[in-house]
Amino acid sequence: MVLIQDLKATILERLKTEKVVHIPASEADYFAVAEELPFKVEYHNSEIVTMGLASFFHEIIVSNMIFILRNILPESFFVVGSNSGIQIPRFEGGYYLPDVLVVKGEPSFKPNSTAIITNPHIVIEILSPSTSKFDSESKLPEYKHLESLQQIIMINQKKAGVSSYLRSDQPNTWINQDFYSLDETIMIENRPVLLKDVYQKIKFE
């Protein structure tokens, strides 16, 4: 327990001066410290990765997306926020917490867990200056290895910009579309979603 408290203290201290903290740790250490911290903590390449608390406007976009998806998707879909994580099977003990997670049908869980999902259908990440590199360069390629995953959506927090990656019928082939106007429409499960609804109540700098 002392070790976990030391790890927690190290993370909190480094977040005072670092936008993204990477700390080498075991899978057991990750799960232990994640329960001790009040914000999103992920595990990638045997490192704990965290950016601390999300901004207020980040959470507005998250709530917008959850509201939109719960209204356009059938009852057979589950839509949740980042307190539910997913396991990346290609890496031993890789765990991410997407900002919004959609499951089609019944959720499948990692053994001995009710929080780690193994069959995500859609994942959504809200990109900020501190998270965009990690989300786009580290998490996006790994998400594509999840067999159940059909769509990955990356939403820019600072300006209108949404990237959609849709799994095609061809193996290892994803269709990428980018949207930059609030008047444009992104398709999610063959249902149209206006960017202006994604960014409702957001005022860009």
Protein backbone atom coordinates (compact mmCIF):
# COMPACT_ATOMS: atom_id res chain seq x y z
CA MET A 1 0.00 0.00 0.00
CA VAL A 2 2.90 2.35 0.73
CA LEU A 3 4.18 1.78 -2.81
CA ILE A 4 0.81 2.70 -4.32
CA GLN A 5 0.60 5.84 -2.18
CA ASP A 6 4.09 6.81 -3.34
CA LEU A 7 3.06 6.22 -6.96
CA LYS A 8 -0.06 8.32 -6.47
CA ALA A 9 1.98 11.14 -4.89
CA THR A 10 4.48 11.01 -7.77
CA ILE A 11 1.72 11.30 -10.37
CA LEU A 12 0.07 14.23 -8.60
CA GLU A 13 3.39 16.05 -8.18
CA ARG A 14 4.44 15.59 -11.81
CA LEU A 15 1.05 16.77 -13.09
CA LYS A 16 1.87 20.18 -11.61
CA THR A 17 4.51 20.70 -14.31
CA GLU A 18 3.77 18.09 -17.01
CA LYS A 19 0.75 17.94 -19.31
CA VAL A 20 1.03 14.17 -19.78
CA VAL A 21 2.66 11.88 -17.23
CA HIS A 22 4.20 8.52 -18.22
CA ILE A 23 5.40 6.23 -15.41
CA PRO A 24 6.69 2.64 -15.85
CA ALA A 25 4.52 0.31 -13.78
CA SER A 26 3.11 -3.18 -13.59
CA GLU A 27 -0.46 -4.01 -14.53
CA ALA A 28 -1.24 -4.62 -10.84
CA ASP A 29 0.17 -1.20 -9.92
CA TYR A 30 -1.95 0.40 -12.64
CA PHE A 31 -5.22 -1.04 -11.35
CA ALA A 32 -4.31 -0.18 -7.75
CA VAL A 33 -3.40 3.44 -8.41
CA ALA A 34 -6.29 3.98 -10.86
CA GLU A 35 -8.69 3.31 -7.99
CA GLU A 36 -6.93 5.97 -5.90
CA LEU A 37 -7.07 8.83 -8.42
CA PRO A 38 -10.15 10.94 -9.28
CA PHE A 39 -9.35 11.23 -13.00
CA LYS A 40 -8.71 9.15 -16.11
CA VAL A 41 -5.66 6.87 -15.88
CA GLU A 42 -4.63 4.56 -18.75
CA TYR A 43 -2.03 1.86 -19.32
CA HIS A 44 0.08 1.67 -22.50
CA ASN A 45 3.32 -0.22 -23.22
CA SER A 46 3.83 -1.05 -19.52
CA GLU A 47 3.39 2.59 -18.51
CA ILE A 48 0.73 4.42 -16.55
CA VAL A 49 -0.41 7.39 -18.65
CA THR A 50 -2.54 10.24 -17.34
CA MET A 51 -3.34 13.87 -18.16
CA GLY A 52 -5.15 14.72 -14.92
CA LEU A 53 -8.59 16.27 -14.77
CA ALA A 54 -10.43 16.98 -18.04
CA SER A 55 -11.49 20.56 -18.80
CA PHE A 56 -15.07 21.75 -18.38
CA PHE A 57 -15.58 22.13 -22.15
CA HIS A 58 -14.10 18.68 -22.77
CA GLU A 59 -16.85 17.30 -20.56
CA ILE A 60 -19.51 19.35 -22.38
CA ILE A 61 -18.60 17.62 -25.64
CA VAL A 62 -18.64 14.25 -23.87
CA SER A 63 -22.13 14.93 -22.50
CA ASN A 64 -23.28 16.14 -25.93
CA MET A 65 -22.13 12.90 -27.54
CA ILE A 66 -23.70 10.69 -24.89
CA PHE A 67 -27.00 12.56 -25.26
CA ILE A 68 -26.89 12.32 -29.08
CA LEU A 69 -26.03 8.63 -29.13
CA ARG A 70 -28.63 7.66 -26.57
CA ASN A 71 -31.24 9.38 -28.73
CA ILE A 72 -30.26 7.95 -32.11
CA LEU A 73 -29.24 4.39 -31.21
CA PRO A 74 -31.65 1.53 -30.54
CA GLU A 75 -32.18 0.22 -27.00
CA SER A 76 -29.88 -2.71 -27.78
CA PHE A 77 -26.90 -0.32 -27.55
CA PHE A 78 -25.19 0.81 -24.34
CA VAL A 79 -23.57 4.28 -24.21
CA VAL A 80 -21.22 5.12 -21.32
CA GLY A 81 -18.50 7.58 -20.38
CA SER A 82 -14.84 7.11 -19.50
CA ASN A 83 -15.33 5.27 -16.22
CA SER A 84 -15.59 2.10 -18.31
CA GLY A 85 -12.39 0.96 -19.99
CA ILE A 86 -11.38 -1.41 -22.75
CA GLN A 87 -8.61 -3.97 -23.00
CA ILE A 88 -6.31 -4.04 -26.01
CA PRO A 89 -5.64 -7.74 -26.70
CA ARG A 90 -2.53 -7.17 -28.85
CA PHE A 91 -0.62 -5.88 -25.84
CA GLU A 92 -0.25 -7.70 -22.56
CA GLY A 93 -2.17 -5.54 -20.13
CA GLY A 94 -3.01 -2.52 -22.31
CA TYR A 95 -6.01 -0.56 -21.00
CA TYR A 96 -7.63 2.61 -22.38
CA LEU A 97 -10.58 4.65 -21.19
CA PRO A 98 -12.21 6.29 -24.23
CA ASP A 99 -14.22 9.42 -23.50
CA VAL A 100 -17.37 7.74 -24.85
CA LEU A 101 -17.84 4.01 -25.33
CA VAL A 102 -20.65 2.24 -27.19
CA VAL A 103 -21.43 -1.47 -26.86
CA LYS A 104 -23.81 -3.24 -29.22
CA GLY A 105 -25.80 -5.95 -27.49
CA GLU A 106 -24.62 -7.45 -24.22
CA PRO A 107 -21.26 -6.24 -22.89
CA SER A 108 -18.43 -8.72 -22.56
CA PHE A 109 -16.09 -8.14 -19.63
CA LYS A 110 -12.49 -8.95 -18.83
CA PRO A 111 -12.43 -11.86 -16.34
CA ASN A 112 -13.01 -10.71 -12.75
CA SER A 113 -13.99 -7.20 -13.87
CA THR A 114 -17.23 -5.29 -14.31
CA ALA A 115 -15.47 -2.18 -15.69
CA ILE A 116 -13.20 -3.41 -18.51
CA ILE A 117 -15.10 -4.09 -21.75
CA THR A 118 -13.73 -6.46 -24.39
CA ASN A 119 -16.36 -5.91 -27.13
CA PRO A 120 -16.61 -2.15 -27.84
CA HIS A 121 -18.58 -1.21 -30.96
CA ILE A 122 -17.76 2.54 -31.14
CA VAL A 123 -15.16 4.58 -29.26
CA ILE A 124 -14.97 8.37 -29.15
CA GLU A 125 -12.01 10.48 -28.02
CA ILE A 126 -12.11 14.22 -27.37
CA LEU A 127 -8.75 15.68 -28.42
CA SER A 128 -7.11 18.47 -26.48
CA PRO A 129 -3.62 19.97 -26.98
CA SER A 130 -2.28 17.68 -24.25
CA THR A 131 -4.00 14.47 -25.38
CA SER A 132 -4.12 14.66 -29.18
CA LYS A 133 -0.66 13.16 -29.79
CA PHE A 134 -1.24 10.20 -27.47
CA ASP A 135 -4.78 9.60 -28.74
CA SER A 136 -3.88 9.85 -32.42
CA GLU A 137 -0.45 8.22 -32.50
CA SER A 138 -0.66 5.62 -29.72
CA LYS A 139 -4.29 4.76 -29.07
CA LEU A 140 -5.78 4.98 -32.58
CA PRO A 141 -3.56 2.24 -34.10
CA GLU A 142 -4.28 -0.03 -31.14
CA TYR A 143 -8.03 0.55 -31.29
CA LYS A 144 -7.97 -0.76 -34.85
CA HIS A 145 -6.89 -4.18 -33.56
CA LEU A 146 -10.15 -4.64 -31.62
CA GLU A 147 -12.18 -7.07 -33.69
CA SER A 148 -15.57 -5.87 -32.41
CA LEU A 149 -14.82 -2.19 -33.03
CA GLN A 150 -16.64 -0.70 -36.05
CA GLN A 151 -16.06 3.05 -35.71
CA ILE A 152 -13.53 5.35 -34.06
CA ILE A 153 -14.36 9.05 -33.74
CA MET A 154 -11.82 11.74 -32.82
CA ILE A 155 -13.27 15.16 -31.90
CA ASN A 156 -11.11 18.29 -31.71
CA GLN A 157 -11.85 20.26 -28.58
CA LYS A 158 -10.34 23.59 -29.66
CA LYS A 159 -11.93 24.01 -33.10
CA ALA A 160 -14.52 22.35 -35.33
CA GLY A 161 -12.92 19.14 -36.49
CA VAL A 162 -14.12 15.54 -36.36
CA SER A 163 -12.35 12.51 -37.82
CA SER A 164 -14.24 9.26 -38.37
CA TYR A 165 -12.60 5.89 -38.96
CA LEU A 166 -15.10 3.29 -40.18
CA ARG A 167 -14.18 -0.37 -40.55
CA SER A 168 -14.64 -1.58 -44.13
CA ASP A 169 -15.44 -5.03 -45.48
CA GLN A 170 -11.77 -5.47 -46.41
CA PRO A 171 -9.39 -6.87 -43.77
CA ASN A 172 -7.30 -4.23 -41.97
CA THR A 173 -8.92 -1.44 -44.00
CA TRP A 174 -10.58 1.59 -42.44
CA ILE A 175 -12.35 4.44 -44.22
CA ASN A 176 -11.29 7.84 -42.87
CA GLN A 177 -13.44 10.95 -43.27
CA ASP A 178 -12.67 14.38 -41.83
CA PHE A 179 -15.22 17.12 -41.13
CA TYR A 180 -14.42 20.78 -40.41
CA SER A 181 -17.69 22.72 -40.73
CA LEU A 182 -20.47 22.94 -38.15
CA ASP A 183 -22.92 22.46 -41.03
CA GLU A 184 -21.44 19.09 -41.98
CA THR A 185 -22.91 15.74 -40.98
CA ILE A 186 -21.13 12.65 -39.70
CA MET A 187 -22.80 9.26 -39.96
CA ILE A 188 -22.94 7.04 -36.88
CA GLU A 189 -24.65 3.67 -37.32
CA ASN A 190 -26.17 5.05 -40.55
CA ARG A 191 -27.74 7.93 -38.64
CA PRO A 192 -26.80 11.56 -39.36
CA VAL A 193 -25.24 13.72 -36.64
CA LEU A 194 -24.62 17.42 -37.25
CA LEU A 195 -21.33 18.84 -36.04
CA LYS A 196 -23.21 21.80 -34.61
CA ASP A 197 -24.93 19.36 -32.24
CA VAL A 198 -21.60 17.79 -31.30
CA TYR A 199 -20.31 21.25 -30.38
CA GLN A 200 -23.48 22.59 -28.77
CA LYS A 201 -22.62 25.23 -26.10
CA ILE A 202 -18.95 25.22 -27.12
CA LYS A 203 -17.39 28.63 -27.83
CA PHE A 204 -14.15 28.36 -29.75
CA GLU A 205 -11.27 30.65 -28.83
